[in-house]
Amino acid sequence: MKSYQLEIYAPHSMESWVSFESDTPFGAINKGDILSVASFPDAVINEGVRVISIEHIIWEKHEVGVRHKICIRTENVDGNVLLKEIGVWN
């Protein structure tokens, strides 16, 4: 069992879209960041989502140690807005 979990929720949903586990901490993700979701299940190639909230859950599990779960809530970003925000299109 890995110590770090990252769970990303579908836009405006409490339903988990994808989750990842790691032995090392994930890089910083901030409110307002754009996430490319092209490789996520059921995503369209030019879709992106904006992070609208982040929740950290930290707990200790017997015989495993401290665990850290990051829950990312998102909203849809229009394809044209996405291209503009990442600097591909002015």
C-alpha atoms as a PDB file:
ATOM      1  CA  MET A   1       0.000   0.000   0.000  1.00  0.00           C
ATOM      2  CA  LYS A   2       1.420   3.375  -1.063  1.00  0.00           C
ATOM      3  CA  SER A   3       1.629   6.340   1.305  1.00  0.00           C
ATOM      4  CA  TYR A   4       0.309   9.007  -1.099  1.00  0.00           C
ATOM      5  CA  GLN A   5      -2.957   9.102  -3.042  1.00  0.00           C
ATOM      6  CA  LEU A   6      -4.258  11.630  -5.542  1.00  0.00           C
ATOM      7  CA  GLU A   7      -7.945  11.459  -6.425  1.00  0.00           C
ATOM      8  CA  ILE A   8      -9.439  13.693  -9.115  1.00  0.00           C
ATOM      9  CA  TYR A   9     -13.192  14.097  -9.243  1.00  0.00           C
ATOM     10  CA  ALA A  10     -15.238  14.548 -12.411  1.00  0.00           C
ATOM     11  CA  PRO A  11     -16.330  18.169 -13.020  1.00  0.00           C
ATOM     12  CA  HIS A  12     -18.917  19.352 -10.472  1.00  0.00           C
ATOM     13  CA  SER A  13     -19.222  15.833  -9.080  1.00  0.00           C
ATOM     14  CA  MET A  14     -18.399  13.874  -5.958  1.00  0.00           C
ATOM     15  CA  GLU A  15     -17.661  10.871  -8.191  1.00  0.00           C
ATOM     16  CA  SER A  16     -14.007   9.899  -8.470  1.00  0.00           C
ATOM     17  CA  TRP A  17     -12.787  10.153 -12.072  1.00  0.00           C
ATOM     18  CA  VAL A  18      -9.212   8.885 -11.686  1.00  0.00           C
ATOM     19  CA  SER A  19      -6.894   8.088  -8.816  1.00  0.00           C
ATOM     20  CA  PHE A  20      -3.182   7.530  -8.480  1.00  0.00           C
ATOM     21  CA  GLU A  21      -0.967   6.123  -5.730  1.00  0.00           C
ATOM     22  CA  SER A  22       2.714   6.799  -5.101  1.00  0.00           C
ATOM     23  CA  ASP A  23       5.514   6.139  -2.647  1.00  0.00           C
ATOM     24  CA  THR A  24       6.574   9.786  -2.973  1.00  0.00           C
ATOM     25  CA  PRO A  25       4.536  13.005  -2.614  1.00  0.00           C
ATOM     26  CA  PHE A  26       2.805  14.440  -5.668  1.00  0.00           C
ATOM     27  CA  GLY A  27       3.855  17.852  -6.973  1.00  0.00           C
ATOM     28  CA  ALA A  28       1.923  20.908  -5.891  1.00  0.00           C
ATOM     29  CA  ILE A  29      -1.520  21.412  -7.433  1.00  0.00           C
ATOM     30  CA  ASN A  30      -3.280  24.706  -6.729  1.00  0.00           C
ATOM     31  CA  LYS A  31      -6.776  26.114  -7.045  1.00  0.00           C
ATOM     32  CA  GLY A  32      -7.093  27.604 -10.538  1.00  0.00           C
ATOM     33  CA  ASP A  33      -4.586  25.220 -12.144  1.00  0.00           C
ATOM     34  CA  ILE A  34      -5.580  23.656 -15.459  1.00  0.00           C
ATOM     35  CA  LEU A  35      -5.250  19.876 -15.720  1.00  0.00           C
ATOM     36  CA  SER A  36      -5.028  18.182 -19.107  1.00  0.00           C
ATOM     37  CA  VAL A  37      -7.352  15.197 -18.993  1.00  0.00           C
ATOM     38  CA  ALA A  38      -6.819  13.760 -22.475  1.00  0.00           C
ATOM     39  CA  SER A  39      -5.708  10.418 -21.026  1.00  0.00           C
ATOM     40  CA  PHE A  40      -8.530  10.180 -18.469  1.00  0.00           C
ATOM     41  CA  PRO A  41     -11.417   7.734 -19.057  1.00  0.00           C
ATOM     42  CA  ASP A  42     -14.159   9.156 -21.338  1.00  0.00           C
ATOM     43  CA  ALA A  43     -12.253  12.407 -21.944  1.00  0.00           C
ATOM     44  CA  VAL A  44     -12.175  14.248 -25.242  1.00  0.00           C
ATOM     45  CA  ILE A  45      -8.649  14.894 -26.544  1.00  0.00           C
ATOM     46  CA  ASN A  46      -8.805  18.710 -26.181  1.00  0.00           C
ATOM     47  CA  GLU A  47     -10.551  18.782 -22.812  1.00  0.00           C
ATOM     48  CA  GLY A  48      -9.115  20.296 -19.708  1.00  0.00           C
ATOM     49  CA  VAL A  49     -10.435  20.968 -16.250  1.00  0.00           C
ATOM     50  CA  ARG A  50      -9.745  23.746 -13.748  1.00  0.00           C
ATOM     51  CA  VAL A  51      -9.065  22.914 -10.114  1.00  0.00           C
ATOM     52  CA  ILE A  52     -11.766  24.517  -7.961  1.00  0.00           C
ATOM     53  CA  SER A  53     -10.904  22.984  -4.583  1.00  0.00           C
ATOM     54  CA  ILE A  54      -8.349  20.791  -2.889  1.00  0.00           C
ATOM     55  CA  GLU A  55      -8.850  18.683   0.218  1.00  0.00           C
ATOM     56  CA  HIS A  56      -6.051  16.984   2.144  1.00  0.00           C
ATOM     57  CA  ILE A  57      -6.849  13.931   4.245  1.00  0.00           C
ATOM     58  CA  ILE A  58      -4.109  12.653   6.531  1.00  0.00           C
ATOM     59  CA  TRP A  59      -4.445   9.613   8.753  1.00  0.00           C
ATOM     60  CA  GLU A  60      -2.381   6.893  10.363  1.00  0.00           C
ATOM     61  CA  LYS A  61      -3.034   3.266   9.580  1.00  0.00           C
ATOM     62  CA  HIS A  62      -1.712   0.568  11.867  1.00  0.00           C
ATOM     63  CA  GLU A  63       1.258  -1.309  10.344  1.00  0.00           C
ATOM     64  CA  VAL A  64       1.276   1.015   7.301  1.00  0.00           C
ATOM     65  CA  GLY A  65       2.058   4.399   8.831  1.00  0.00           C
ATOM     66  CA  VAL A  66       0.910   7.871   7.880  1.00  0.00           C
ATOM     67  CA  ARG A  67      -1.089   8.217   4.664  1.00  0.00           C
ATOM     68  CA  HIS A  68      -1.863  11.379   2.721  1.00  0.00           C
ATOM     69  CA  LYS A  69      -4.753  11.637   0.266  1.00  0.00           C
ATOM     70  CA  ILE A  70      -5.327  14.711  -1.910  1.00  0.00           C
ATOM     71  CA  CYS A  71      -8.837  15.143  -3.327  1.00  0.00           C
ATOM     72  CA  ILE A  72      -9.098  17.479  -6.329  1.00  0.00           C
ATOM     73  CA  ARG A  73     -12.483  18.888  -7.359  1.00  0.00           C
ATOM     74  CA  THR A  74     -12.793  20.330 -10.865  1.00  0.00           C
ATOM     75  CA  GLU A  75     -14.891  22.249 -13.364  1.00  0.00           C
ATOM     76  CA  ASN A  76     -14.923  21.995 -17.155  1.00  0.00           C
ATOM     77  CA  VAL A  77     -12.848  24.374 -19.247  1.00  0.00           C
ATOM     78  CA  ASP A  78     -13.973  25.126 -22.801  1.00  0.00           C
ATOM     79  CA  GLY A  79     -11.445  23.914 -25.402  1.00  0.00           C
ATOM     80  CA  ASN A  80     -10.791  27.436 -26.743  1.00  0.00           C
ATOM     81  CA  VAL A  81     -10.336  28.839 -23.242  1.00  0.00           C
ATOM     82  CA  LEU A  82      -7.989  25.960 -22.458  1.00  0.00           C
ATOM     83  CA  LEU A  83      -5.815  26.683 -25.509  1.00  0.00           C
ATOM     84  CA  LYS A  84      -5.696  30.382 -24.641  1.00  0.00           C
ATOM     85  CA  GLU A  85      -4.818  29.762 -20.978  1.00  0.00           C
ATOM     86  CA  ILE A  86      -1.952  27.407 -21.782  1.00  0.00           C
ATOM     87  CA  GLY A  87      -0.628  29.863 -24.369  1.00  0.00           C
ATOM     88  CA  VAL A  88      -1.267  27.829 -27.522  1.00  0.00           C
ATOM     89  CA  TRP A  89      -3.795  30.246 -28.932  1.00  0.00           C
ATOM     90  CA  ASN A  90      -4.089  34.002 -28.446  1.00  0.00           C
END
